[in-house]
Amino acid sequence: MKSGIPMKRVPFVLGAAAVFLACLLAVRTSGAYAVFFGGTVRSLPIYSVERQDKKIAITFDCAWGTEHTDGILSALSAADVKATFFMVQFWTEKYPDYVRKIDAAGMEIGTHSATHSYMSRQSAEEIERELTSSSAAIRAVTGKTVDLFRPPYGDYDDLLIDTATALGYYTIQWDVDSLDWKDLSATDISLRVVNGVRDGSVILCHNNGLHTAEALPLLLSTLKNRGYTFVTVGELIYRENYGMDATGRQIPSEEN
């Protein structure tokens, strides 16, 4: 052959293509947190969800302080929006009254680990202790079982995702970052979120962001006016019969 793939390599290329296609099909139909990446299969958390109904979720990580949490809850209540709060164990134990207040407001609660460590550096046993201990702390206050988990710093590896999945947790990331922890202005926070959202988005905020509560009224009303509906993460995701694409977007199978 003068150009293209040498004939002696055609069987190899075809075989590799067949393996690649098989991996993709397996990912799309198995519901596993795994995606084929250039020769390897990598486990992924859920960054967003493929939906056609304009449902989205707003989330708040709770690790430091409570000074702005009442303002956030007031803004969510005024807009009739339910959100998901991911709580670190030491925050849960330090502020049980706020855990109860968030739960009583009808918000969903997930774990954000026990110690807010870089969990990709931990063993399976350490990961299991982080998840079970932090979930038990939340359950001790609310009486509710936790099955949503967000890794601190957005840091993860295959072992973390696979261990969490084996323990019955859905690992949740985000595809829209408010950057409210950088103390951006309320306007800047709102613009970042509003301009980044699409159907099935998961928005990342923090319970103690300096201007988060101030940003919420404009952010929530603008997205509602654009036809979006806010639901909790537990209501947004698919719990079975789904696959994942390479961006961590959950894709329903035909059974859904």
C-alpha atoms as a PDB file:
ATOM      1  CA  MET A   1       0.000   0.000   0.000  1.00  0.00           C
ATOM      2  CA  LYS A   2       1.290   3.509  -0.839  1.00  0.00           C
ATOM      3  CA  SER A   3      -0.526   5.248   1.996  1.00  0.00           C
ATOM      4  CA  GLY A   4      -2.824   4.600   4.951  1.00  0.00           C
ATOM      5  CA  ILE A   5      -2.468   1.580   7.271  1.00  0.00           C
ATOM      6  CA  PRO A   6      -0.040  -1.173   6.178  1.00  0.00           C
ATOM      7  CA  MET A   7      -1.884  -4.381   5.358  1.00  0.00           C
ATOM      8  CA  LYS A   8      -0.057  -6.357   8.019  1.00  0.00           C
ATOM      9  CA  ARG A   9      -1.388  -3.972  10.682  1.00  0.00           C
ATOM     10  CA  VAL A  10      -5.017  -4.094   9.562  1.00  0.00           C
ATOM     11  CA  PRO A  11      -5.968  -7.078  11.799  1.00  0.00           C
ATOM     12  CA  PHE A  12      -4.390  -5.358  14.794  1.00  0.00           C
ATOM     13  CA  VAL A  13      -6.174  -2.073  14.111  1.00  0.00           C
ATOM     14  CA  LEU A  14      -9.493  -3.798  13.545  1.00  0.00           C
ATOM     15  CA  GLY A  15      -9.030  -5.793  16.722  1.00  0.00           C
ATOM     16  CA  ALA A  16      -8.233  -2.679  18.738  1.00  0.00           C
ATOM     17  CA  ALA A  17     -11.264  -0.926  17.277  1.00  0.00           C
ATOM     18  CA  ALA A  18     -13.455  -3.867  18.229  1.00  0.00           C
ATOM     19  CA  VAL A  19     -12.167  -3.804  21.802  1.00  0.00           C
ATOM     20  CA  PHE A  20     -12.713  -0.040  21.996  1.00  0.00           C
ATOM     21  CA  LEU A  21     -16.289  -0.376  20.734  1.00  0.00           C
ATOM     22  CA  ALA A  22     -16.986  -3.218  23.145  1.00  0.00           C
ATOM     23  CA  CYS A  23     -15.770  -1.100  26.065  1.00  0.00           C
ATOM     24  CA  LEU A  24     -17.939   1.803  25.015  1.00  0.00           C
ATOM     25  CA  LEU A  25     -20.977  -0.411  24.708  1.00  0.00           C
ATOM     26  CA  ALA A  26     -20.298  -1.970  28.083  1.00  0.00           C
ATOM     27  CA  VAL A  27     -20.035   1.457  29.695  1.00  0.00           C
ATOM     28  CA  ARG A  28     -23.237   2.713  28.124  1.00  0.00           C
ATOM     29  CA  THR A  29     -25.266  -0.331  29.161  1.00  0.00           C
ATOM     30  CA  SER A  30     -23.800  -1.592  32.427  1.00  0.00           C
ATOM     31  CA  GLY A  31     -24.449   1.392  34.652  1.00  0.00           C
ATOM     32  CA  ALA A  32     -20.831   1.257  35.833  1.00  0.00           C
ATOM     33  CA  TYR A  33     -18.839   4.337  36.813  1.00  0.00           C
ATOM     34  CA  ALA A  34     -16.271   3.564  34.120  1.00  0.00           C
ATOM     35  CA  VAL A  35     -15.249   5.078  30.813  1.00  0.00           C
ATOM     36  CA  PHE A  36     -12.676   3.934  28.265  1.00  0.00           C
ATOM     37  CA  PHE A  37      -9.710   6.304  28.094  1.00  0.00           C
ATOM     38  CA  GLY A  38      -6.962   5.629  25.541  1.00  0.00           C
ATOM     39  CA  GLY A  39      -6.274   2.037  26.438  1.00  0.00           C
ATOM     40  CA  THR A  40      -7.560   1.995  30.021  1.00  0.00           C
ATOM     41  CA  VAL A  41     -10.918   2.011  31.752  1.00  0.00           C
ATOM     42  CA  ARG A  42     -11.230   4.791  34.310  1.00  0.00           C
ATOM     43  CA  SER A  43     -13.891   5.045  37.019  1.00  0.00           C
ATOM     44  CA  LEU A  44     -15.724   8.364  37.118  1.00  0.00           C
ATOM     45  CA  PRO A  45     -18.066  10.208  39.464  1.00  0.00           C
ATOM     46  CA  ILE A  46     -21.243  11.874  38.199  1.00  0.00           C
ATOM     47  CA  TYR A  47     -20.531  15.393  36.932  1.00  0.00           C
ATOM     48  CA  SER A  48     -23.891  16.019  35.265  1.00  0.00           C
ATOM     49  CA  VAL A  49     -26.924  14.145  33.982  1.00  0.00           C
ATOM     50  CA  GLU A  50     -28.297  13.793  30.461  1.00  0.00           C
ATOM     51  CA  ARG A  51     -31.857  15.085  30.678  1.00  0.00           C
ATOM     52  CA  GLN A  52     -34.377  16.728  28.384  1.00  0.00           C
ATOM     53  CA  ASP A  53     -36.590  18.254  31.082  1.00  0.00           C
ATOM     54  CA  LYS A  54     -34.419  21.233  32.155  1.00  0.00           C
ATOM     55  CA  LYS A  55     -33.955  19.873  35.675  1.00  0.00           C
ATOM     56  CA  ILE A  56     -30.804  20.974  37.501  1.00  0.00           C
ATOM     57  CA  ALA A  57     -29.402  20.698  41.034  1.00  0.00           C
ATOM     58  CA  ILE A  58     -27.654  23.235  43.249  1.00  0.00           C
ATOM     59  CA  THR A  59     -25.331  21.918  45.952  1.00  0.00           C
ATOM     60  CA  PHE A  60     -23.495  23.333  48.965  1.00  0.00           C
ATOM     61  CA  ASP A  61     -20.387  21.883  50.583  1.00  0.00           C
ATOM     62  CA  CYS A  62     -20.263  22.302  54.359  1.00  0.00           C
ATOM     63  CA  ALA A  63     -16.801  22.208  55.883  1.00  0.00           C
ATOM     64  CA  TRP A  64     -16.007  25.559  57.500  1.00  0.00           C
ATOM     65  CA  GLY A  65     -18.232  27.836  59.566  1.00  0.00           C
ATOM     66  CA  THR A  66     -21.927  28.737  59.464  1.00  0.00           C
ATOM     67  CA  GLU A  67     -21.945  32.540  59.302  1.00  0.00           C
ATOM     68  CA  HIS A  68     -23.738  32.701  55.949  1.00  0.00           C
ATOM     69  CA  THR A  69     -25.774  29.503  56.133  1.00  0.00           C
ATOM     70  CA  ASP A  70     -28.965  31.130  57.458  1.00  0.00           C
ATOM     71  CA  GLY A  71     -28.915  33.577  54.560  1.00  0.00           C
ATOM     72  CA  ILE A  72     -28.555  30.698  52.098  1.00  0.00           C
ATOM     73  CA  LEU A  73     -31.450  28.807  53.646  1.00  0.00           C
ATOM     74  CA  SER A  74     -33.610  31.940  53.585  1.00  0.00           C
ATOM     75  CA  ALA A  75     -32.848  32.549  49.900  1.00  0.00           C
ATOM     76  CA  LEU A  76     -33.609  28.924  49.009  1.00  0.00           C
ATOM     77  CA  SER A  77     -36.864  29.038  50.973  1.00  0.00           C
ATOM     78  CA  ALA A  78     -37.956  32.309  49.361  1.00  0.00           C
ATOM     79  CA  ALA A  79     -37.398  30.780  45.916  1.00  0.00           C
ATOM     80  CA  ASP A  80     -38.998  27.453  46.926  1.00  0.00           C
ATOM     81  CA  VAL A  81     -35.835  25.594  45.922  1.00  0.00           C
ATOM     82  CA  LYS A  82     -34.591  22.354  47.455  1.00  0.00           C
ATOM     83  CA  ALA A  83     -30.819  21.859  47.411  1.00  0.00           C
ATOM     84  CA  THR A  84     -28.305  19.203  48.411  1.00  0.00           C
ATOM     85  CA  PHE A  85     -25.806  19.854  51.216  1.00  0.00           C
ATOM     86  CA  PHE A  86     -22.637  17.743  51.463  1.00  0.00           C
ATOM     87  CA  MET A  87     -21.342  17.732  55.051  1.00  0.00           C
ATOM     88  CA  VAL A  88     -17.949  16.839  56.483  1.00  0.00           C
ATOM     89  CA  GLN A  89     -18.127  14.828  59.694  1.00  0.00           C
ATOM     90  CA  PHE A  90     -16.314  17.362  61.867  1.00  0.00           C
ATOM     91  CA  TRP A  91     -18.699  20.084  60.613  1.00  0.00           C
ATOM     92  CA  THR A  92     -21.688  17.841  61.327  1.00  0.00           C
ATOM     93  CA  GLU A  93     -20.513  17.184  64.861  1.00  0.00           C
ATOM     94  CA  LYS A  94     -19.618  20.825  65.545  1.00  0.00           C
ATOM     95  CA  TYR A  95     -22.895  22.253  64.199  1.00  0.00           C
ATOM     96  CA  PRO A  96     -25.655  19.675  64.819  1.00  0.00           C
ATOM     97  CA  ASP A  97     -28.235  22.450  65.152  1.00  0.00           C
ATOM     98  CA  TYR A  98     -27.470  23.532  61.581  1.00  0.00           C
ATOM     99  CA  VAL A  99     -27.651  19.960  60.362  1.00  0.00           C
ATOM    100  CA  ARG A 100     -31.118  19.732  61.889  1.00  0.00           C
ATOM    101  CA  LYS A 101     -32.076  23.136  60.471  1.00  0.00           C
ATOM    102  CA  ILE A 102     -30.984  22.127  56.960  1.00  0.00           C
ATOM    103  CA  ASP A 103     -32.810  18.820  57.239  1.00  0.00           C
ATOM    104  CA  ALA A 104     -35.958  20.454  58.619  1.00  0.00           C
ATOM    105  CA  ALA A 105     -35.973  22.837  55.641  1.00  0.00           C
ATOM    106  CA  GLY A 106     -36.416  19.825  53.370  1.00  0.00           C
ATOM    107  CA  MET A 107     -32.895  19.896  51.980  1.00  0.00           C
ATOM    108  CA  GLU A 108     -31.065  16.730  50.986  1.00  0.00           C
ATOM    109  CA  ILE A 109     -27.876  15.775  52.835  1.00  0.00           C
ATOM    110  CA  GLY A 110     -24.869  13.808  51.615  1.00  0.00           C
ATOM    111  CA  THR A 111     -21.425  13.133  53.037  1.00  0.00           C
ATOM    112  CA  HIS A 112     -18.344  15.180  52.172  1.00  0.00           C
ATOM    113  CA  SER A 113     -16.041  12.722  54.012  1.00  0.00           C
ATOM    114  CA  ALA A 114     -14.983  12.542  57.652  1.00  0.00           C
ATOM    115  CA  THR A 115     -11.757  14.558  57.605  1.00  0.00           C
ATOM    116  CA  HIS A 116     -11.796  16.546  54.331  1.00  0.00           C
ATOM    117  CA  SER A 117      -8.615  14.830  53.174  1.00  0.00           C
ATOM    118  CA  TYR A 118      -7.283  14.074  49.704  1.00  0.00           C
ATOM    119  CA  MET A 119      -8.937  10.683  49.496  1.00  0.00           C
ATOM    120  CA  SER A 120      -7.073   9.526  46.389  1.00  0.00           C
ATOM    121  CA  ARG A 121      -4.123   9.064  48.750  1.00  0.00           C
ATOM    122  CA  GLN A 122      -6.048   6.689  51.010  1.00  0.00           C
ATOM    123  CA  SER A 123      -6.358   2.916  51.098  1.00  0.00           C
ATOM    124  CA  ALA A 124      -9.668   1.140  50.599  1.00  0.00           C
ATOM    125  CA  GLU A 125      -9.919   0.606  54.367  1.00  0.00           C
ATOM    126  CA  GLU A 126      -9.338   4.304  55.055  1.00  0.00           C
ATOM    127  CA  ILE A 127     -11.903   5.307  52.435  1.00  0.00           C
ATOM    128  CA  GLU A 128     -14.474   2.967  53.950  1.00  0.00           C
ATOM    129  CA  ARG A 129     -13.896   4.449  57.411  1.00  0.00           C
ATOM    130  CA  GLU A 130     -14.266   7.988  56.057  1.00  0.00           C
ATOM    131  CA  LEU A 131     -17.581   7.177  54.392  1.00  0.00           C
ATOM    132  CA  THR A 132     -19.168   5.035  57.073  1.00  0.00           C
ATOM    133  CA  SER A 133     -18.091   7.288  59.934  1.00  0.00           C
ATOM    134  CA  SER A 134     -19.262  10.519  58.289  1.00  0.00           C
ATOM    135  CA  SER A 135     -22.568   8.968  57.228  1.00  0.00           C
ATOM    136  CA  ALA A 136     -23.147   7.650  60.745  1.00  0.00           C
ATOM    137  CA  ALA A 137     -22.593  11.158  62.141  1.00  0.00           C
ATOM    138  CA  ILE A 138     -25.240  12.578  59.808  1.00  0.00           C
ATOM    139  CA  ARG A 139     -27.630   9.733  60.575  1.00  0.00           C
ATOM    140  CA  ALA A 140     -27.156  10.297  64.324  1.00  0.00           C
ATOM    141  CA  VAL A 141     -28.504  13.835  63.900  1.00  0.00           C
ATOM    142  CA  THR A 142     -31.152  13.375  61.201  1.00  0.00           C
ATOM    143  CA  GLY A 143     -32.083   9.702  61.477  1.00  0.00           C
ATOM    144  CA  LYS A 144     -31.663   9.440  57.698  1.00  0.00           C
ATOM    145  CA  THR A 145     -29.451   7.178  55.621  1.00  0.00           C
ATOM    146  CA  VAL A 146     -26.873   8.816  53.351  1.00  0.00           C
ATOM    147  CA  ASP A 147     -26.094   7.495  49.862  1.00  0.00           C
ATOM    148  CA  LEU A 148     -24.584  10.563  48.163  1.00  0.00           C
ATOM    149  CA  PHE A 149     -20.885  11.389  48.485  1.00  0.00           C
ATOM    150  CA  ARG A 150     -18.746  14.269  47.257  1.00  0.00           C
ATOM    151  CA  PRO A 151     -14.952  13.873  47.486  1.00  0.00           C
ATOM    152  CA  PRO A 152     -13.108  16.788  49.128  1.00  0.00           C
ATOM    153  CA  TYR A 153     -11.343  19.078  46.652  1.00  0.00           C
ATOM    154  CA  GLY A 154     -12.983  17.132  43.811  1.00  0.00           C
ATOM    155  CA  ASP A 155     -10.046  14.734  44.207  1.00  0.00           C
ATOM    156  CA  TYR A 156     -10.545  11.076  43.299  1.00  0.00           C
ATOM    157  CA  ASP A 157      -9.045   7.992  41.712  1.00  0.00           C
ATOM    158  CA  ASP A 158     -10.418   4.627  40.594  1.00  0.00           C
ATOM    159  CA  LEU A 159     -10.066   3.119  44.063  1.00  0.00           C
ATOM    160  CA  LEU A 160     -12.096   5.885  45.673  1.00  0.00           C
ATOM    161  CA  ILE A 161     -14.935   5.677  43.154  1.00  0.00           C
ATOM    162  CA  ASP A 162     -14.986   1.877  43.133  1.00  0.00           C
ATOM    163  CA  THR A 163     -14.914   1.630  46.938  1.00  0.00           C
ATOM    164  CA  ALA A 164     -17.692   4.197  47.328  1.00  0.00           C
ATOM    165  CA  THR A 165     -19.794   2.421  44.705  1.00  0.00           C
ATOM    166  CA  ALA A 166     -19.299  -0.951  46.402  1.00  0.00           C
ATOM    167  CA  LEU A 167     -20.535   0.626  49.650  1.00  0.00           C
ATOM    168  CA  GLY A 168     -23.687   1.895  47.931  1.00  0.00           C
ATOM    169  CA  TYR A 169     -22.722   5.550  47.420  1.00  0.00           C
ATOM    170  CA  TYR A 170     -23.235   7.667  44.310  1.00  0.00           C
ATOM    171  CA  THR A 171     -20.162   9.873  43.947  1.00  0.00           C
ATOM    172  CA  ILE A 172     -21.126  13.386  42.862  1.00  0.00           C
ATOM    173  CA  GLN A 173     -18.954  16.067  41.292  1.00  0.00           C
ATOM    174  CA  TRP A 174     -20.219  19.144  39.423  1.00  0.00           C
ATOM    175  CA  ASP A 175     -20.109  20.717  35.981  1.00  0.00           C
ATOM    176  CA  VAL A 176     -20.785  24.319  37.075  1.00  0.00           C
ATOM    177  CA  ASP A 177     -18.438  25.857  39.640  1.00  0.00           C
ATOM    178  CA  SER A 178     -19.598  29.104  41.252  1.00  0.00           C
ATOM    179  CA  LEU A 179     -16.106  29.772  42.670  1.00  0.00           C
ATOM    180  CA  ASP A 180     -17.893  31.394  45.603  1.00  0.00           C
ATOM    181  CA  TRP A 181     -15.076  30.263  47.904  1.00  0.00           C
ATOM    182  CA  LYS A 182     -12.854  32.817  46.169  1.00  0.00           C
ATOM    183  CA  ASP A 183     -15.078  35.584  47.574  1.00  0.00           C
ATOM    184  CA  LEU A 184     -16.270  36.661  44.135  1.00  0.00           C
ATOM    185  CA  SER A 185     -18.960  39.325  44.096  1.00  0.00           C
ATOM    186  CA  ALA A 186     -22.593  38.248  44.086  1.00  0.00           C
ATOM    187  CA  THR A 187     -22.895  39.406  40.476  1.00  0.00           C
ATOM    188  CA  ASP A 188     -19.852  37.424  39.364  1.00  0.00           C
ATOM    189  CA  ILE A 189     -21.104  34.295  41.123  1.00  0.00           C
ATOM    190  CA  SER A 190     -24.514  34.643  39.472  1.00  0.00           C
ATOM    191  CA  LEU A 191     -23.040  35.191  36.011  1.00  0.00           C
ATOM    192  CA  ARG A 192     -20.699  32.212  36.297  1.00  0.00           C
ATOM    193  CA  VAL A 193     -23.554  29.895  37.226  1.00  0.00           C
ATOM    194  CA  VAL A 194     -26.200  31.261  34.867  1.00  0.00           C
ATOM    195  CA  ASN A 195     -23.833  31.163  31.895  1.00  0.00           C
ATOM    196  CA  GLY A 196     -22.608  27.660  32.675  1.00  0.00           C
ATOM    197  CA  VAL A 197     -25.835  25.783  33.297  1.00  0.00           C
ATOM    198  CA  ARG A 198     -27.427  23.306  30.883  1.00  0.00           C
ATOM    199  CA  ASP A 199     -30.028  20.559  31.325  1.00  0.00           C
ATOM    200  CA  GLY A 200     -28.887  18.177  34.058  1.00  0.00           C
ATOM    201  CA  SER A 201     -26.210  20.444  35.511  1.00  0.00           C
ATOM    202  CA  VAL A 202     -24.890  20.114  39.053  1.00  0.00           C
ATOM    203  CA  ILE A 203     -23.908  23.481  40.540  1.00  0.00           C
ATOM    204  CA  LEU A 204     -21.179  23.742  43.185  1.00  0.00           C
ATOM    205  CA  CYS A 205     -21.486  26.314  45.976  1.00  0.00           C
ATOM    206  CA  HIS A 206     -20.400  26.458  49.615  1.00  0.00           C
ATOM    207  CA  ASN A 207     -22.447  27.045  52.751  1.00  0.00           C
ATOM    208  CA  ASN A 208     -20.074  29.717  54.007  1.00  0.00           C
ATOM    209  CA  GLY A 209     -19.202  31.606  50.835  1.00  0.00           C
ATOM    210  CA  LEU A 210     -18.932  35.318  51.588  1.00  0.00           C
ATOM    211  CA  HIS A 211     -21.384  36.444  48.866  1.00  0.00           C
ATOM    212  CA  THR A 212     -23.206  33.193  48.091  1.00  0.00           C
ATOM    213  CA  ALA A 213     -26.430  34.058  49.910  1.00  0.00           C
ATOM    214  CA  GLU A 214     -26.454  37.472  48.254  1.00  0.00           C
ATOM    215  CA  ALA A 215     -26.026  35.870  44.810  1.00  0.00           C
ATOM    216  CA  LEU A 216     -28.790  33.308  45.170  1.00  0.00           C
ATOM    217  CA  PRO A 217     -31.916  35.445  44.565  1.00  0.00           C
ATOM    218  CA  LEU A 218     -30.698  36.647  41.150  1.00  0.00           C
ATOM    219  CA  LEU A 219     -29.161  33.288  40.254  1.00  0.00           C
ATOM    220  CA  LEU A 220     -32.244  31.258  41.149  1.00  0.00           C
ATOM    221  CA  SER A 221     -34.787  33.634  39.618  1.00  0.00           C
ATOM    222  CA  THR A 222     -32.851  33.975  36.353  1.00  0.00           C
ATOM    223  CA  LEU A 223     -32.559  30.229  35.870  1.00  0.00           C
ATOM    224  CA  LYS A 224     -36.214  29.705  36.774  1.00  0.00           C
ATOM    225  CA  ASN A 225     -37.206  32.362  34.233  1.00  0.00           C
ATOM    226  CA  ARG A 226     -35.209  30.421  31.636  1.00  0.00           C
ATOM    227  CA  GLY A 227     -37.349  27.382  32.303  1.00  0.00           C
ATOM    228  CA  TYR A 228     -35.068  25.420  34.624  1.00  0.00           C
ATOM    229  CA  THR A 229     -36.438  23.447  37.568  1.00  0.00           C
ATOM    230  CA  PHE A 230     -34.322  22.901  40.674  1.00  0.00           C
ATOM    231  CA  VAL A 231     -34.346  19.428  42.208  1.00  0.00           C
ATOM    232  CA  THR A 232     -32.090  17.653  44.674  1.00  0.00           C
ATOM    233  CA  VAL A 233     -29.166  15.591  43.392  1.00  0.00           C
ATOM    234  CA  GLY A 234     -30.989  12.445  44.480  1.00  0.00           C
ATOM    235  CA  GLU A 235     -33.896  13.416  42.242  1.00  0.00           C
ATOM    236  CA  LEU A 236     -31.654  14.462  39.341  1.00  0.00           C
ATOM    237  CA  ILE A 237     -29.492  11.354  38.921  1.00  0.00           C
ATOM    238  CA  TYR A 238     -30.399   7.945  37.543  1.00  0.00           C
ATOM    239  CA  ARG A 239     -29.932   5.195  40.103  1.00  0.00           C
ATOM    240  CA  GLU A 240     -29.986   2.291  37.665  1.00  0.00           C
ATOM    241  CA  ASN A 241     -30.026   1.570  33.934  1.00  0.00           C
ATOM    242  CA  TYR A 242     -27.484   4.216  33.015  1.00  0.00           C
ATOM    243  CA  GLY A 243     -24.025   4.661  31.582  1.00  0.00           C
ATOM    244  CA  MET A 244     -21.433   7.440  31.542  1.00  0.00           C
ATOM    245  CA  ASP A 245     -19.705   9.391  28.824  1.00  0.00           C
ATOM    246  CA  ALA A 246     -16.089  10.547  28.968  1.00  0.00           C
ATOM    247  CA  THR A 247     -17.054  13.820  30.695  1.00  0.00           C
ATOM    248  CA  GLY A 248     -18.763  12.053  33.587  1.00  0.00           C
ATOM    249  CA  ARG A 249     -22.226  12.836  32.253  1.00  0.00           C
ATOM    250  CA  GLN A 250     -24.732  10.205  33.291  1.00  0.00           C
ATOM    251  CA  ILE A 251     -26.646   8.824  30.304  1.00  0.00           C
ATOM    252  CA  PRO A 252     -29.873   6.807  30.697  1.00  0.00           C
ATOM    253  CA  SER A 253     -30.248   3.503  28.956  1.00  0.00           C
ATOM    254  CA  GLU A 254     -33.364   2.702  26.956  1.00  0.00           C
ATOM    255  CA  GLU A 255     -35.002   1.153  30.033  1.00  0.00           C
ATOM    256  CA  ASN A 256     -35.437   4.571  31.697  1.00  0.00           C
END
